[in-house]
Protein backbone atom coordinates (compact mmCIF):
# COMPACT_ATOMS: atom_id res chain seq x y z
CA MET A 1 270.59 107.08 56.07
CA PRO A 2 272.61 104.29 54.49
CA GLN A 3 271.01 102.31 51.69
CA HIS A 4 273.33 99.30 51.42
CA GLU A 5 273.34 96.52 53.98
CA SER A 6 277.07 96.89 54.61
CA ALA A 7 276.65 100.62 55.23
CA LYS A 8 273.80 99.94 57.65
CA LYS A 9 275.93 97.44 59.51
CA ARG A 10 278.82 99.88 59.62
CA LEU A 11 276.50 102.51 61.12
CA ARG A 12 275.46 100.08 63.86
CA GLN A 13 279.06 99.15 64.56
CA SER A 14 280.16 102.77 64.68
CA ALA A 15 277.45 103.62 67.18
CA ARG A 16 278.51 100.78 69.49
CA GLN A 17 282.19 101.66 69.19
CA ARG A 18 281.51 105.34 69.85
CA LEU A 19 279.70 104.51 73.10
CA ARG A 20 282.44 102.11 74.17
CA ASN A 21 285.20 104.58 73.35
CA ARG A 22 283.41 107.35 75.22
CA GLY A 23 283.51 105.25 78.38
CA TYR A 24 287.19 104.45 77.98
CA ARG A 25 287.99 108.11 77.34
CA THR A 26 286.02 109.17 80.42
CA ASP A 27 287.90 106.66 82.57
CA LEU A 28 291.20 107.92 81.19
CA ARG A 29 290.28 111.51 82.02
CA LYS A 30 289.45 110.48 85.59
CA VAL A 31 292.83 108.80 85.96
CA ILE A 32 294.64 111.85 84.59
CA LYS A 33 292.75 114.07 87.01
CA ALA A 34 293.68 111.75 89.89
CA VAL A 35 297.36 112.12 88.99
CA ARG A 36 297.05 115.89 89.01
CA GLU A 37 295.59 115.76 92.52
CA ASP A 38 297.90 113.03 93.87
CA SER A 39 301.06 112.12 91.98
CA GLY A 40 301.37 108.84 93.90
CA VAL A 41 299.09 107.00 91.47
CA THR A 42 301.35 107.32 88.44
CA VAL A 43 301.85 103.58 87.92
CA ALA A 44 298.12 102.99 87.59
CA ALA A 45 297.84 106.04 85.35
CA GLN A 46 300.59 104.82 83.05
CA SER A 47 298.85 101.48 82.77
CA ALA A 48 295.56 103.19 81.92
CA VAL A 49 297.27 105.32 79.27
CA ASP A 50 298.89 102.24 77.71
CA THR A 51 295.51 100.51 77.65
CA ALA A 52 293.95 103.53 75.93
CA VAL A 53 296.65 103.41 73.25
CA ARG A 54 296.11 99.71 72.73
CA ARG A 55 292.39 100.31 72.27
CA GLY A 56 293.01 103.16 69.86
CA ILE A 57 291.51 105.84 72.10
CA ILE A 58 294.55 108.12 72.08
CA HIS A 59 297.60 108.49 69.85
CA PRO A 60 300.86 106.85 71.01
CA ASN A 61 302.65 110.20 71.02
CA LYS A 62 300.03 111.65 73.34
CA ALA A 63 300.52 108.67 75.64
CA ALA A 64 304.27 109.27 75.72
CA ARG A 65 303.69 112.93 76.52
CA LEU A 66 301.27 112.10 79.34
CA LYS A 67 303.57 109.50 80.87
CA SER A 68 306.44 111.96 80.74
CA ARG A 69 304.33 114.52 82.58
CA PHE A 70 303.32 111.91 85.15
CA ALA A 71 306.98 111.11 85.81
CA ARG A 72 307.89 114.79 86.16
CA ALA A 73 305.00 115.34 88.57
CA GLN A 74 306.06 112.36 90.64
CA GLN A 75 309.66 113.61 90.80
CA ALA A 76 308.53 117.09 91.75
CA ALA A 77 306.38 115.65 94.54
CA ALA A 78 309.25 113.50 95.79
CA THR A 79 311.67 116.42 96.00
CA ALA A 80 309.14 118.80 97.57
């Protein structure tokens, strides 16, 4: 356990942030799963991915990779 006041505060902050980030990450996973099932929701998914990057949940390169996959899935669905 932390001994200094600043370390104790940091522990409290980390616990709150971890819970908050877990919720954001869960929501993002749900959106990604929705795109896999129905590629018509790519605009909402791209917005959710951008929000996750802004909040620091995922790396920007991962977001670019996901959005690229969303676009390919949407194109494949449109041609099929």
